[in-house]
Amino acid sequence: MNMNTQRIDQPTAERFDGLIDRFLAAIEAGDIDTVRALYAPHAVIWHNDDLVEQSVEDNLKVLRGLHRTVTDLHYEIVRRAHFDDGALQQHVLHGTLPGGAPVTLHAAMYVRVEDGRITRIDEYLDSAHRATIRAAREAQGG
């Protein structure tokens, strides 16, 4: 995050909120086409547990796999702060693993926005809970 980043006015914050809320709702619904449309074509997605910058298409593959493995996905927003280039959000992703076990994934992400589309996400995940989801996904063969 740019250390010169400034807090922004309310109308811009509301636009960022609308975009991020649509993005999260599309993930919850498994609406990959909407997720793709909300990303800028050159967007990059980074996670702290693998330190790899993903392309949009690589990230969409991960989201498809998440939906094949975890049902009843929903985000619990803990807090969100707005800046001139996006928003910082803390959240908990809730869902159900195959066999019915609940899963929660605590995370924080910085979402950068340009021209009404997401250009970058830096996401910090609880790697122990992400490993649980990965193991369930691998057990399903995907």
Protein backbone atom coordinates (compact mmCIF):
# COMPACT_ATOMS: atom_id res chain seq x y z
CA MET A 1 0.00 0.00 0.00
CA ASN A 2 1.28 3.44 -0.89
CA MET A 3 2.13 5.22 2.35
CA ASN A 4 0.86 8.47 0.80
CA THR A 5 -2.62 6.98 0.38
CA GLN A 6 -5.31 9.33 1.63
CA ARG A 7 -8.78 8.70 2.99
CA ILE A 8 -11.48 9.62 0.50
CA ASP A 9 -14.85 11.35 0.28
CA GLN A 10 -18.13 9.56 1.00
CA PRO A 11 -19.39 9.25 -2.62
CA THR A 12 -16.14 7.57 -3.69
CA ALA A 13 -16.24 5.29 -0.64
CA GLU A 14 -19.78 4.29 -1.57
CA ARG A 15 -18.69 3.48 -5.14
CA PHE A 16 -15.88 1.29 -3.80
CA ASP A 17 -18.32 -0.39 -1.40
CA GLY A 18 -20.77 -1.07 -4.22
CA LEU A 19 -18.06 -2.65 -6.36
CA ILE A 20 -16.63 -4.76 -3.53
CA ASP A 21 -20.10 -5.82 -2.36
CA ARG A 22 -21.01 -6.94 -5.92
CA PHE A 23 -17.69 -8.80 -6.13
CA LEU A 24 -18.28 -10.66 -2.85
CA ALA A 25 -21.91 -11.44 -3.75
CA ALA A 26 -20.76 -12.91 -7.07
CA ILE A 27 -18.21 -15.10 -5.27
CA GLU A 28 -20.87 -16.25 -2.80
CA ALA A 29 -23.20 -17.12 -5.70
CA GLY A 30 -20.49 -18.80 -7.79
CA ASP A 31 -21.12 -16.25 -10.55
CA ILE A 32 -17.71 -16.45 -12.22
CA ASP A 33 -18.76 -14.31 -15.19
CA THR A 34 -19.63 -11.40 -12.90
CA VAL A 35 -16.40 -11.81 -10.94
CA ARG A 36 -14.48 -11.70 -14.25
CA ALA A 37 -16.36 -8.56 -15.33
CA LEU A 38 -15.51 -6.76 -12.09
CA TYR A 39 -11.79 -7.40 -12.55
CA ALA A 40 -9.77 -5.24 -14.91
CA PRO A 41 -8.28 -7.53 -17.59
CA HIS A 42 -4.75 -6.95 -16.23
CA ALA A 43 -5.72 -7.44 -12.56
CA VAL A 44 -3.39 -9.32 -10.23
CA ILE A 45 -4.41 -11.32 -7.17
CA TRP A 46 -1.79 -12.12 -4.51
CA HIS A 47 -2.11 -14.32 -1.38
CA ASN A 48 0.26 -14.36 1.57
CA ASP A 49 0.36 -18.16 1.86
CA ASP A 50 1.91 -18.83 -1.56
CA LEU A 51 3.37 -15.40 -2.47
CA VAL A 52 2.28 -15.87 -6.09
CA GLU A 53 0.65 -13.18 -8.20
CA GLN A 54 -2.29 -14.78 -10.00
CA SER A 55 -3.86 -13.62 -13.22
CA VAL A 56 -7.60 -13.14 -13.39
CA GLU A 57 -8.08 -16.50 -15.13
CA ASP A 58 -5.95 -18.34 -12.56
CA ASN A 59 -7.94 -16.75 -9.76
CA LEU A 60 -11.22 -17.73 -11.41
CA LYS A 61 -10.02 -21.37 -11.50
CA VAL A 62 -9.40 -21.17 -7.74
CA LEU A 63 -12.87 -19.73 -7.17
CA ARG A 64 -14.48 -22.48 -9.26
CA GLY A 65 -12.63 -25.07 -7.16
CA LEU A 66 -13.73 -23.34 -3.97
CA HIS A 67 -17.35 -23.61 -5.08
CA ARG A 68 -17.00 -27.28 -5.94
CA THR A 69 -15.67 -27.95 -2.43
CA VAL A 70 -17.37 -25.49 -0.09
CA THR A 71 -21.13 -24.89 -0.07
CA ASP A 72 -23.15 -22.16 1.62
CA LEU A 73 -20.39 -19.61 1.12
CA HIS A 74 -20.99 -16.26 2.74
CA TYR A 75 -18.84 -13.36 3.84
CA GLU A 76 -19.03 -11.70 7.22
CA ILE A 77 -17.52 -8.24 6.87
CA VAL A 78 -15.71 -7.25 10.05
CA ARG A 79 -14.54 -3.81 8.91
CA ARG A 80 -13.65 -1.82 5.82
CA ALA A 81 -11.55 1.33 5.46
CA HIS A 82 -11.41 3.41 2.28
CA PHE A 83 -8.47 5.04 0.58
CA ASP A 84 -7.96 6.96 -2.65
CA ASP A 85 -7.09 3.81 -4.60
CA GLY A 86 -9.39 1.25 -2.97
CA ALA A 87 -10.34 -0.29 0.34
CA LEU A 88 -8.88 -2.43 3.07
CA GLN A 89 -11.30 -5.06 4.37
CA GLN A 90 -11.23 -7.61 7.16
CA HIS A 91 -13.70 -10.48 6.78
CA VAL A 92 -14.55 -14.06 7.62
CA LEU A 93 -15.58 -16.46 4.88
CA HIS A 94 -18.02 -19.08 6.16
CA GLY A 95 -19.07 -22.27 4.44
CA THR A 96 -19.68 -26.00 4.70
CA LEU A 97 -17.19 -28.68 3.71
CA PRO A 98 -18.16 -32.00 2.11
CA GLY A 99 -19.60 -34.15 4.86
CA GLY A 100 -21.22 -31.17 6.54
CA ALA A 101 -18.39 -29.75 8.65
CA PRO A 102 -18.43 -25.96 8.94
CA VAL A 103 -15.36 -24.00 7.89
CA THR A 104 -14.33 -20.43 8.52
CA LEU A 105 -11.50 -18.54 6.88
CA HIS A 106 -10.33 -15.30 8.48
CA ALA A 107 -8.80 -12.87 6.01
CA ALA A 108 -7.95 -9.30 5.21
CA MET A 109 -7.57 -7.88 1.73
CA TYR A 110 -6.56 -4.67 0.10
CA VAL A 111 -8.64 -4.12 -3.02
CA ARG A 112 -7.27 -1.59 -5.50
CA VAL A 113 -9.73 0.02 -7.90
CA GLU A 114 -9.21 1.97 -11.10
CA ASP A 115 -11.93 3.15 -13.48
CA GLY A 116 -14.60 1.20 -11.59
CA ARG A 117 -12.84 -2.18 -11.78
CA ILE A 118 -10.61 -4.18 -9.46
CA THR A 119 -6.96 -3.97 -10.54
CA ARG A 120 -5.26 -5.75 -7.66
CA ILE A 121 -6.10 -7.72 -4.54
CA ASP A 122 -3.54 -8.43 -1.84
CA GLU A 123 -5.18 -11.01 0.43
CA TYR A 124 -3.87 -12.19 3.78
CA LEU A 125 -5.43 -15.51 4.75
CA ASP A 126 -5.41 -17.75 7.80
CA SER A 127 -3.26 -20.46 6.20
CA ALA A 128 -4.35 -23.22 8.62
CA HIS A 129 -8.00 -22.86 7.62
CA ARG A 130 -7.10 -22.46 3.95
CA ALA A 131 -5.18 -25.73 4.22
CA THR A 132 -8.37 -27.42 5.49
CA ILE A 133 -10.25 -26.22 2.40
CA ARG A 134 -7.39 -27.30 0.12
CA ALA A 135 -7.30 -30.76 1.66
CA ALA A 136 -11.05 -31.18 1.13
CA ARG A 137 -10.67 -29.99 -2.46
CA GLU A 138 -7.86 -32.47 -3.13
CA ALA A 139 -9.88 -35.29 -1.56
CA GLN A 140 -12.58 -34.53 -4.15
CA GLY A 141 -10.02 -34.81 -6.93
CA GLY A 142 -9.80 -31.17 -7.82
